[in-house]
Amino acid sequence: MDMQIAQSSDYVASSQLKASYQTLQSIEPDDFFAMYSLFSRYYDGTSLEEFSEDFKVKSGAIILRDGTGSIQGFSTQEISEFAFENERYTVIFSGDTIVDHHHWGQQALNYEWMRFTGVTSRNMNTEKLYWFLIVKGHRTYRYLQAFYKNFYPAYNLDTNEMDQKLLHFLAADKYKQNYCANSGVVKFAAAKCRLKDEWAEIPLKDRPRPAVQYFLKRNPGYQRGDELACLCQLSAENHRPFVRRLFLNAQSVG
């Protein structure tokens, strides 16, 4: 996953961006192909077949549209329940995520994420909700710090033992031998989906950031497509104040 930006040749200027979560069954074929078109402009090492196979196992996607209804971004989501060490957890796994660069900095997708996670928290059958993701780029890693107080791994926090075990369990369960528990990185033997060179380069202004330096230390092979496994508990207490209200509102009324 990488909350990066991509160029779209069919950009239509619009200030009326709207994001909504759609179940897999409600996404029309034309929208699916529009999503792949946007994704493939931004990533190397992908194919329609691989994108489709990954898409099929998701629960749905948060889709960002402009005033004409054209897709300007999306983030696929998979909701699952896991039993681990005598407790059950609900886990949201975020997959392919991209936003057209004309809309970089928009907040509609972020607000819908908060609404989506709040509704998921309200409807789940377990006591705890976690966000599990694997991160290709520094921008996504910095989103964790922007929205949440505690997440793992973090440059300024020690991972508690239980969350470390849960992270290892989830990553090993999903990626099997491609996950290295010692490094916390998912590596694929064959070249997989990776950021195109023009987007993988980290701007000079961002390199000094502590979070960026830590991401590079933990995932030095990000340009090859290596991904850092991350985990964050989606409790009201763990949200930073400016997004906590959005989460709680959705948790209580949907």
C-alpha atoms as a PDB file:
ATOM      1  CA  MET A   1       0.000   0.000   0.000  1.00  0.00           C
ATOM      2  CA  ASP A   2       1.151   3.532  -0.719  1.00  0.00           C
ATOM      3  CA  MET A   3      -0.858   6.733  -0.408  1.00  0.00           C
ATOM      4  CA  GLN A   4       0.988   8.325  -3.265  1.00  0.00           C
ATOM      5  CA  ILE A   5       0.017  10.437  -6.253  1.00  0.00           C
ATOM      6  CA  ALA A   6      -0.338   9.622  -9.909  1.00  0.00           C
ATOM      7  CA  GLN A   7      -0.922  11.460 -13.117  1.00  0.00           C
ATOM      8  CA  SER A   8      -4.206  11.044 -14.967  1.00  0.00           C
ATOM      9  CA  SER A   9      -4.451  12.140 -18.589  1.00  0.00           C
ATOM     10  CA  ASP A  10      -8.219  12.463 -18.404  1.00  0.00           C
ATOM     11  CA  TYR A  11      -8.213  14.831 -15.439  1.00  0.00           C
ATOM     12  CA  VAL A  12     -11.310  16.980 -15.109  1.00  0.00           C
ATOM     13  CA  ALA A  13     -10.994  20.001 -12.831  1.00  0.00           C
ATOM     14  CA  SER A  14     -13.501  19.841 -10.020  1.00  0.00           C
ATOM     15  CA  SER A  15     -13.650  21.063  -6.453  1.00  0.00           C
ATOM     16  CA  GLN A  16     -16.515  18.719  -5.608  1.00  0.00           C
ATOM     17  CA  LEU A  17     -14.557  15.663  -4.568  1.00  0.00           C
ATOM     18  CA  LYS A  18     -16.536  12.974  -2.789  1.00  0.00           C
ATOM     19  CA  ALA A  19     -15.383   9.689  -1.314  1.00  0.00           C
ATOM     20  CA  SER A  20     -17.513   6.728  -0.347  1.00  0.00           C
ATOM     21  CA  TYR A  21     -16.980   3.116   0.586  1.00  0.00           C
ATOM     22  CA  GLN A  22     -18.418   0.618  -1.901  1.00  0.00           C
ATOM     23  CA  THR A  23     -18.685  -3.113  -1.382  1.00  0.00           C
ATOM     24  CA  LEU A  24     -16.959  -5.314  -3.928  1.00  0.00           C
ATOM     25  CA  GLN A  25     -20.293  -6.394  -5.411  1.00  0.00           C
ATOM     26  CA  SER A  26     -21.408  -2.799  -6.016  1.00  0.00           C
ATOM     27  CA  ILE A  27     -18.343  -1.739  -8.030  1.00  0.00           C
ATOM     28  CA  GLU A  28     -19.244  -1.696 -11.736  1.00  0.00           C
ATOM     29  CA  PRO A  29     -16.860  -3.209 -14.350  1.00  0.00           C
ATOM     30  CA  ASP A  30     -16.202   0.223 -15.881  1.00  0.00           C
ATOM     31  CA  ASP A  31     -15.142   1.529 -12.474  1.00  0.00           C
ATOM     32  CA  PHE A  32     -12.890  -1.477 -11.932  1.00  0.00           C
ATOM     33  CA  PHE A  33     -11.069  -0.808 -15.208  1.00  0.00           C
ATOM     34  CA  ALA A  34     -10.825   2.909 -14.384  1.00  0.00           C
ATOM     35  CA  MET A  35      -9.216   1.968 -11.079  1.00  0.00           C
ATOM     36  CA  TYR A  36      -6.679  -0.263 -12.785  1.00  0.00           C
ATOM     37  CA  SER A  37      -5.919   2.408 -15.389  1.00  0.00           C
ATOM     38  CA  LEU A  38      -5.107   4.914 -12.653  1.00  0.00           C
ATOM     39  CA  PHE A  39      -3.086   2.360 -10.701  1.00  0.00           C
ATOM     40  CA  SER A  40      -0.999   1.232 -13.677  1.00  0.00           C
ATOM     41  CA  ARG A  41       0.052   4.794 -14.479  1.00  0.00           C
ATOM     42  CA  TYR A  42       1.759   4.866 -11.158  1.00  0.00           C
ATOM     43  CA  TYR A  43       3.171   1.372 -10.596  1.00  0.00           C
ATOM     44  CA  ASP A  44       5.559  -0.844 -12.509  1.00  0.00           C
ATOM     45  CA  GLY A  45       5.451  -4.623 -12.285  1.00  0.00           C
ATOM     46  CA  THR A  46       1.678  -4.869 -12.287  1.00  0.00           C
ATOM     47  CA  SER A  47      -0.825  -6.448 -14.648  1.00  0.00           C
ATOM     48  CA  LEU A  48      -4.575  -6.494 -15.028  1.00  0.00           C
ATOM     49  CA  GLU A  49      -4.599 -10.172 -14.029  1.00  0.00           C
ATOM     50  CA  GLU A  50      -2.689  -9.574 -10.791  1.00  0.00           C
ATOM     51  CA  PHE A  51      -4.739  -6.495  -9.963  1.00  0.00           C
ATOM     52  CA  SER A  52      -7.956  -8.459 -10.552  1.00  0.00           C
ATOM     53  CA  GLU A  53      -6.861 -11.432  -8.414  1.00  0.00           C
ATOM     54  CA  ASP A  54      -5.977  -9.130  -5.530  1.00  0.00           C
ATOM     55  CA  PHE A  55      -9.197  -7.168  -5.984  1.00  0.00           C
ATOM     56  CA  LYS A  56     -11.373 -10.288  -5.754  1.00  0.00           C
ATOM     57  CA  VAL A  57     -10.413 -11.030  -2.155  1.00  0.00           C
ATOM     58  CA  LYS A  58     -11.173  -7.527  -0.908  1.00  0.00           C
ATOM     59  CA  SER A  59     -14.367  -6.523   0.891  1.00  0.00           C
ATOM     60  CA  GLY A  60     -14.643  -3.288  -1.083  1.00  0.00           C
ATOM     61  CA  ALA A  61     -12.934   0.024  -1.724  1.00  0.00           C
ATOM     62  CA  ILE A  62     -13.072   3.646  -0.688  1.00  0.00           C
ATOM     63  CA  ILE A  63     -13.472   5.473  -3.998  1.00  0.00           C
ATOM     64  CA  LEU A  64     -12.758   9.149  -4.626  1.00  0.00           C
ATOM     65  CA  ARG A  65     -14.762  10.802  -7.415  1.00  0.00           C
ATOM     66  CA  ASP A  66     -14.853  14.287  -8.904  1.00  0.00           C
ATOM     67  CA  GLY A  67     -17.951  16.270  -9.811  1.00  0.00           C
ATOM     68  CA  THR A  68     -18.399  14.307 -13.048  1.00  0.00           C
ATOM     69  CA  GLY A  69     -18.284  10.952 -11.264  1.00  0.00           C
ATOM     70  CA  SER A  70     -14.841  10.085 -12.638  1.00  0.00           C
ATOM     71  CA  ILE A  71     -12.585   8.137 -10.296  1.00  0.00           C
ATOM     72  CA  GLN A  72      -9.673  10.214  -9.031  1.00  0.00           C
ATOM     73  CA  GLY A  73      -8.443   7.835  -6.342  1.00  0.00           C
ATOM     74  CA  PHE A  74      -9.231   4.702  -4.365  1.00  0.00           C
ATOM     75  CA  SER A  75      -8.108   2.464  -1.527  1.00  0.00           C
ATOM     76  CA  THR A  76      -9.096  -1.212  -1.450  1.00  0.00           C
ATOM     77  CA  GLN A  77     -10.073  -2.727   1.911  1.00  0.00           C
ATOM     78  CA  GLU A  78     -10.374  -6.222   3.332  1.00  0.00           C
ATOM     79  CA  ILE A  79     -12.229  -6.821   6.605  1.00  0.00           C
ATOM     80  CA  SER A  80     -11.479 -10.075   8.445  1.00  0.00           C
ATOM     81  CA  GLU A  81     -11.752 -11.677  11.858  1.00  0.00           C
ATOM     82  CA  PHE A  82      -8.811 -13.516  13.401  1.00  0.00           C
ATOM     83  CA  ALA A  83      -8.399 -15.655  16.497  1.00  0.00           C
ATOM     84  CA  PHE A  84      -5.050 -15.120  18.179  1.00  0.00           C
ATOM     85  CA  GLU A  85      -3.915 -16.215  21.644  1.00  0.00           C
ATOM     86  CA  ASN A  86      -7.434 -16.871  22.929  1.00  0.00           C
ATOM     87  CA  GLU A  87      -8.848 -13.576  21.684  1.00  0.00           C
ATOM     88  CA  ARG A  88     -10.652 -12.562  18.506  1.00  0.00           C
ATOM     89  CA  TYR A  89      -9.778  -9.452  16.538  1.00  0.00           C
ATOM     90  CA  THR A  90     -11.346  -7.578  13.641  1.00  0.00           C
ATOM     91  CA  VAL A  91      -8.678  -6.458  11.201  1.00  0.00           C
ATOM     92  CA  ILE A  92      -8.894  -4.040   8.282  1.00  0.00           C
ATOM     93  CA  PHE A  93      -6.212  -4.690   5.699  1.00  0.00           C
ATOM     94  CA  SER A  94      -5.657  -1.832   3.262  1.00  0.00           C
ATOM     95  CA  GLY A  95      -4.448  -2.849  -0.174  1.00  0.00           C
ATOM     96  CA  ASP A  96      -3.854  -0.846  -3.338  1.00  0.00           C
ATOM     97  CA  THR A  97      -4.214   2.890  -2.712  1.00  0.00           C
ATOM     98  CA  ILE A  98      -3.659   5.794  -5.073  1.00  0.00           C
ATOM     99  CA  VAL A  99      -4.795   9.380  -5.670  1.00  0.00           C
ATOM    100  CA  ASP A 100      -4.419  11.400  -8.860  1.00  0.00           C
ATOM    101  CA  HIS A 101      -1.815  14.114  -8.323  1.00  0.00           C
ATOM    102  CA  HIS A 102      -4.226  16.894  -9.227  1.00  0.00           C
ATOM    103  CA  HIS A 103      -6.005  16.019  -5.989  1.00  0.00           C
ATOM    104  CA  TRP A 104      -2.980  15.477  -3.789  1.00  0.00           C
ATOM    105  CA  GLY A 105      -3.743  17.052  -0.421  1.00  0.00           C
ATOM    106  CA  GLN A 106      -7.485  16.434  -0.668  1.00  0.00           C
ATOM    107  CA  GLN A 107      -9.150  15.341   2.569  1.00  0.00           C
ATOM    108  CA  ALA A 108     -12.247  13.559   1.250  1.00  0.00           C
ATOM    109  CA  LEU A 109     -10.542  10.158   1.154  1.00  0.00           C
ATOM    110  CA  ASN A 110      -9.183  10.628   4.679  1.00  0.00           C
ATOM    111  CA  TYR A 111     -12.569  11.657   6.067  1.00  0.00           C
ATOM    112  CA  GLU A 112     -14.231   8.653   4.464  1.00  0.00           C
ATOM    113  CA  TRP A 113     -11.536   6.411   5.958  1.00  0.00           C
ATOM    114  CA  MET A 114     -12.462   7.692   9.416  1.00  0.00           C
ATOM    115  CA  ARG A 115     -16.151   7.144   8.716  1.00  0.00           C
ATOM    116  CA  PHE A 116     -15.503   3.672   7.304  1.00  0.00           C
ATOM    117  CA  THR A 117     -13.406   2.586  10.287  1.00  0.00           C
ATOM    118  CA  GLY A 118     -15.921   4.015  12.742  1.00  0.00           C
ATOM    119  CA  VAL A 119     -18.800   2.106  11.123  1.00  0.00           C
ATOM    120  CA  THR A 120     -16.683  -1.059  11.027  1.00  0.00           C
ATOM    121  CA  SER A 121     -15.955  -0.629  14.735  1.00  0.00           C
ATOM    122  CA  ARG A 122     -19.666  -0.249  15.488  1.00  0.00           C
ATOM    123  CA  ASN A 123     -20.685  -3.341  13.505  1.00  0.00           C
ATOM    124  CA  MET A 124     -17.864  -5.721  14.420  1.00  0.00           C
ATOM    125  CA  ASN A 125     -18.333  -8.821  16.567  1.00  0.00           C
ATOM    126  CA  THR A 126     -15.059  -8.442  18.459  1.00  0.00           C
ATOM    127  CA  GLU A 127     -13.796  -6.049  21.125  1.00  0.00           C
ATOM    128  CA  LYS A 128     -10.706  -4.795  19.281  1.00  0.00           C
ATOM    129  CA  LEU A 129     -10.197  -3.380  15.796  1.00  0.00           C
ATOM    130  CA  TYR A 130      -6.790  -3.102  14.113  1.00  0.00           C
ATOM    131  CA  TRP A 131      -5.458  -1.619  10.882  1.00  0.00           C
ATOM    132  CA  PHE A 132      -2.906  -3.861   9.185  1.00  0.00           C
ATOM    133  CA  LEU A 133      -1.035  -2.595   6.148  1.00  0.00           C
ATOM    134  CA  ILE A 134       2.218  -3.075   4.272  1.00  0.00           C
ATOM    135  CA  VAL A 135       3.894   0.153   3.212  1.00  0.00           C
ATOM    136  CA  LYS A 136       5.886   0.842   0.051  1.00  0.00           C
ATOM    137  CA  GLY A 137       6.480   4.560   0.540  1.00  0.00           C
ATOM    138  CA  HIS A 138       7.245   7.162   3.174  1.00  0.00           C
ATOM    139  CA  ARG A 139       4.046   9.171   2.651  1.00  0.00           C
ATOM    140  CA  THR A 140       1.809   6.332   3.808  1.00  0.00           C
ATOM    141  CA  TYR A 141       4.051   5.711   6.784  1.00  0.00           C
ATOM    142  CA  ARG A 142       3.691   9.377   7.735  1.00  0.00           C
ATOM    143  CA  TYR A 143      -0.119   9.088   7.588  1.00  0.00           C
ATOM    144  CA  LEU A 144       0.061   6.762  10.574  1.00  0.00           C
ATOM    145  CA  GLN A 145       1.822   9.400  12.623  1.00  0.00           C
ATOM    146  CA  ALA A 146      -0.577  12.119  11.470  1.00  0.00           C
ATOM    147  CA  PHE A 147      -3.753  10.294  12.519  1.00  0.00           C
ATOM    148  CA  TYR A 148      -2.799   8.008  15.405  1.00  0.00           C
ATOM    149  CA  LYS A 149      -0.922   8.263  18.685  1.00  0.00           C
ATOM    150  CA  ASN A 150       0.476   4.746  18.678  1.00  0.00           C
ATOM    151  CA  PHE A 151       1.359   2.507  15.736  1.00  0.00           C
ATOM    152  CA  TYR A 152       4.062  -0.023  14.979  1.00  0.00           C
ATOM    153  CA  PRO A 153       6.835   0.062  14.068  1.00  0.00           C
ATOM    154  CA  ALA A 154       7.519   3.690  15.044  1.00  0.00           C
ATOM    155  CA  TYR A 155      10.751   5.631  15.388  1.00  0.00           C
ATOM    156  CA  ASN A 156       9.695   7.137  18.726  1.00  0.00           C
ATOM    157  CA  LEU A 157       7.760   4.250  20.299  1.00  0.00           C
ATOM    158  CA  ASP A 158       8.594   0.786  21.551  1.00  0.00           C
ATOM    159  CA  THR A 159       6.302  -1.902  20.183  1.00  0.00           C
ATOM    160  CA  ASN A 160       4.503  -3.659  23.023  1.00  0.00           C
ATOM    161  CA  GLU A 161       4.946  -7.404  23.023  1.00  0.00           C
ATOM    162  CA  MET A 162       1.326  -8.303  22.275  1.00  0.00           C
ATOM    163  CA  ASP A 163       1.036  -5.993  19.286  1.00  0.00           C
ATOM    164  CA  GLN A 164       4.398  -7.211  17.980  1.00  0.00           C
ATOM    165  CA  LYS A 165       3.158 -10.800  18.157  1.00  0.00           C
ATOM    166  CA  LEU A 166      -0.106  -9.876  16.447  1.00  0.00           C
ATOM    167  CA  LEU A 167       1.723  -8.019  13.673  1.00  0.00           C
ATOM    168  CA  HIS A 168       4.004 -11.003  13.045  1.00  0.00           C
ATOM    169  CA  PHE A 169       1.022 -13.347  13.062  1.00  0.00           C
ATOM    170  CA  LEU A 170      -0.970 -11.293  10.536  1.00  0.00           C
ATOM    171  CA  ALA A 171       1.985 -10.714   8.205  1.00  0.00           C
ATOM    172  CA  ALA A 172       3.092 -14.357   8.262  1.00  0.00           C
ATOM    173  CA  ASP A 173      -0.478 -15.566   7.768  1.00  0.00           C
ATOM    174  CA  LYS A 174      -0.982 -13.386   4.686  1.00  0.00           C
ATOM    175  CA  TYR A 175       2.477 -13.443   3.095  1.00  0.00           C
ATOM    176  CA  LYS A 176       3.922 -16.741   4.309  1.00  0.00           C
ATOM    177  CA  GLN A 177       7.615 -17.129   3.401  1.00  0.00           C
ATOM    178  CA  ASN A 178       7.709 -13.676   1.798  1.00  0.00           C
ATOM    179  CA  TYR A 179       7.539 -12.091   5.252  1.00  0.00           C
ATOM    180  CA  CYS A 180      10.738 -11.758   7.278  1.00  0.00           C
ATOM    181  CA  ALA A 181       9.957 -11.489  10.993  1.00  0.00           C
ATOM    182  CA  ASN A 182      13.448 -10.227  11.835  1.00  0.00           C
ATOM    183  CA  SER A 183      13.183  -7.183   9.560  1.00  0.00           C
ATOM    184  CA  GLY A 184       9.389  -6.817   9.541  1.00  0.00           C
ATOM    185  CA  VAL A 185       9.527  -6.467   5.748  1.00  0.00           C
ATOM    186  CA  VAL A 186       7.606  -8.317   3.031  1.00  0.00           C
ATOM    187  CA  LYS A 187       9.935  -9.247   0.166  1.00  0.00           C
ATOM    188  CA  PHE A 188       8.925 -11.104  -2.971  1.00  0.00           C
ATOM    189  CA  ALA A 189      11.425 -13.369  -4.736  1.00  0.00           C
ATOM    190  CA  ALA A 190      10.270 -12.199  -8.160  1.00  0.00           C
ATOM    191  CA  ALA A 191       9.893  -8.520  -9.051  1.00  0.00           C
ATOM    192  CA  LYS A 192       6.446  -7.438  -7.932  1.00  0.00           C
ATOM    193  CA  CYS A 193       4.412  -4.271  -8.038  1.00  0.00           C
ATOM    194  CA  ARG A 194       6.583  -1.257  -7.196  1.00  0.00           C
ATOM    195  CA  LEU A 195       6.486   2.504  -7.492  1.00  0.00           C
ATOM    196  CA  LYS A 196       7.649   3.953 -10.768  1.00  0.00           C
ATOM    197  CA  ASP A 197      11.001   5.682 -10.478  1.00  0.00           C
ATOM    198  CA  GLU A 198       9.624   9.196 -10.796  1.00  0.00           C
ATOM    199  CA  TRP A 199       7.415   8.627  -7.763  1.00  0.00           C
ATOM    200  CA  ALA A 200       9.719   6.460  -5.645  1.00  0.00           C
ATOM    201  CA  GLU A 201      12.347   9.164  -5.174  1.00  0.00           C
ATOM    202  CA  ILE A 202      11.966  10.928  -1.821  1.00  0.00           C
ATOM    203  CA  PRO A 203      12.037  14.748  -2.124  1.00  0.00           C
ATOM    204  CA  LEU A 204      15.003  16.428  -0.461  1.00  0.00           C
ATOM    205  CA  LYS A 205      12.671  18.448   1.779  1.00  0.00           C
ATOM    206  CA  ASP A 206      11.250  15.245   3.281  1.00  0.00           C
ATOM    207  CA  ARG A 207      14.487  13.311   3.823  1.00  0.00           C
ATOM    208  CA  PRO A 208      15.413  14.955   7.162  1.00  0.00           C
ATOM    209  CA  ARG A 209      12.096  14.036   8.760  1.00  0.00           C
ATOM    210  CA  PRO A 210      12.626  11.497  11.592  1.00  0.00           C
ATOM    211  CA  ALA A 211       9.758   9.329  10.319  1.00  0.00           C
ATOM    212  CA  VAL A 212      11.251   9.245   6.818  1.00  0.00           C
ATOM    213  CA  GLN A 213      14.716   8.406   8.120  1.00  0.00           C
ATOM    214  CA  TYR A 214      13.237   5.593  10.181  1.00  0.00           C
ATOM    215  CA  PHE A 215      11.231   4.257   7.237  1.00  0.00           C
ATOM    216  CA  LEU A 216      14.369   4.170   5.064  1.00  0.00           C
ATOM    217  CA  LYS A 217      16.273   2.372   7.819  1.00  0.00           C
ATOM    218  CA  ARG A 218      13.559  -0.245   8.268  1.00  0.00           C
ATOM    219  CA  ASN A 219      12.758  -0.660   4.570  1.00  0.00           C
ATOM    220  CA  PRO A 220      15.861   0.139   2.495  1.00  0.00           C
ATOM    221  CA  GLY A 221      14.565  -1.920  -0.437  1.00  0.00           C
ATOM    222  CA  TYR A 222      11.342   0.057  -0.901  1.00  0.00           C
ATOM    223  CA  GLN A 223      12.302   1.016  -4.459  1.00  0.00           C
ATOM    224  CA  ARG A 224      12.406  -2.692  -5.370  1.00  0.00           C
ATOM    225  CA  GLY A 225       8.880  -3.113  -4.043  1.00  0.00           C
ATOM    226  CA  ASP A 226       9.733  -4.274  -0.499  1.00  0.00           C
ATOM    227  CA  GLU A 227       6.992  -3.333   1.975  1.00  0.00           C
ATOM    228  CA  LEU A 228       7.136  -2.615   5.705  1.00  0.00           C
ATOM    229  CA  ALA A 229       4.454  -4.378   7.747  1.00  0.00           C
ATOM    230  CA  CYS A 230       2.629  -1.966  10.070  1.00  0.00           C
ATOM    231  CA  LEU A 231      -0.115  -2.244  12.671  1.00  0.00           C
ATOM    232  CA  CYS A 232      -2.336   0.276  14.431  1.00  0.00           C
ATOM    233  CA  GLN A 233      -5.192  -0.195  16.879  1.00  0.00           C
ATOM    234  CA  LEU A 234      -8.306   1.671  15.770  1.00  0.00           C
ATOM    235  CA  SER A 235      -9.695   2.627  19.145  1.00  0.00           C
ATOM    236  CA  ALA A 236     -11.148   6.042  19.933  1.00  0.00           C
ATOM    237  CA  GLU A 237      -8.373   6.672  22.445  1.00  0.00           C
ATOM    238  CA  ASN A 238      -5.646   6.051  19.864  1.00  0.00           C
ATOM    239  CA  HIS A 239      -6.919   8.680  17.405  1.00  0.00           C
ATOM    240  CA  ARG A 240      -5.436  12.138  17.468  1.00  0.00           C
ATOM    241  CA  PRO A 241      -8.015  14.725  18.622  1.00  0.00           C
ATOM    242  CA  PHE A 242      -8.744  16.265  15.213  1.00  0.00           C
ATOM    243  CA  VAL A 243      -9.879  12.927  13.727  1.00  0.00           C
ATOM    244  CA  ARG A 244     -11.276  11.290  16.863  1.00  0.00           C
ATOM    245  CA  ARG A 245     -14.590  13.128  16.485  1.00  0.00           C
ATOM    246  CA  LEU A 246     -15.047  11.790  12.932  1.00  0.00           C
ATOM    247  CA  PHE A 247     -14.415   8.241  14.124  1.00  0.00           C
ATOM    248  CA  LEU A 248     -16.740   8.536  17.130  1.00  0.00           C
ATOM    249  CA  ASN A 249     -19.552  10.098  15.092  1.00  0.00           C
ATOM    250  CA  ALA A 250     -19.436   7.217  12.628  1.00  0.00           C
ATOM    251  CA  GLN A 251     -19.131   4.687  15.423  1.00  0.00           C
ATOM    252  CA  SER A 252     -22.316   5.939  17.033  1.00  0.00           C
ATOM    253  CA  VAL A 253     -24.549   6.811  14.064  1.00  0.00           C
ATOM    254  CA  GLY A 254     -22.830   5.413  10.944  1.00  0.00           C
END
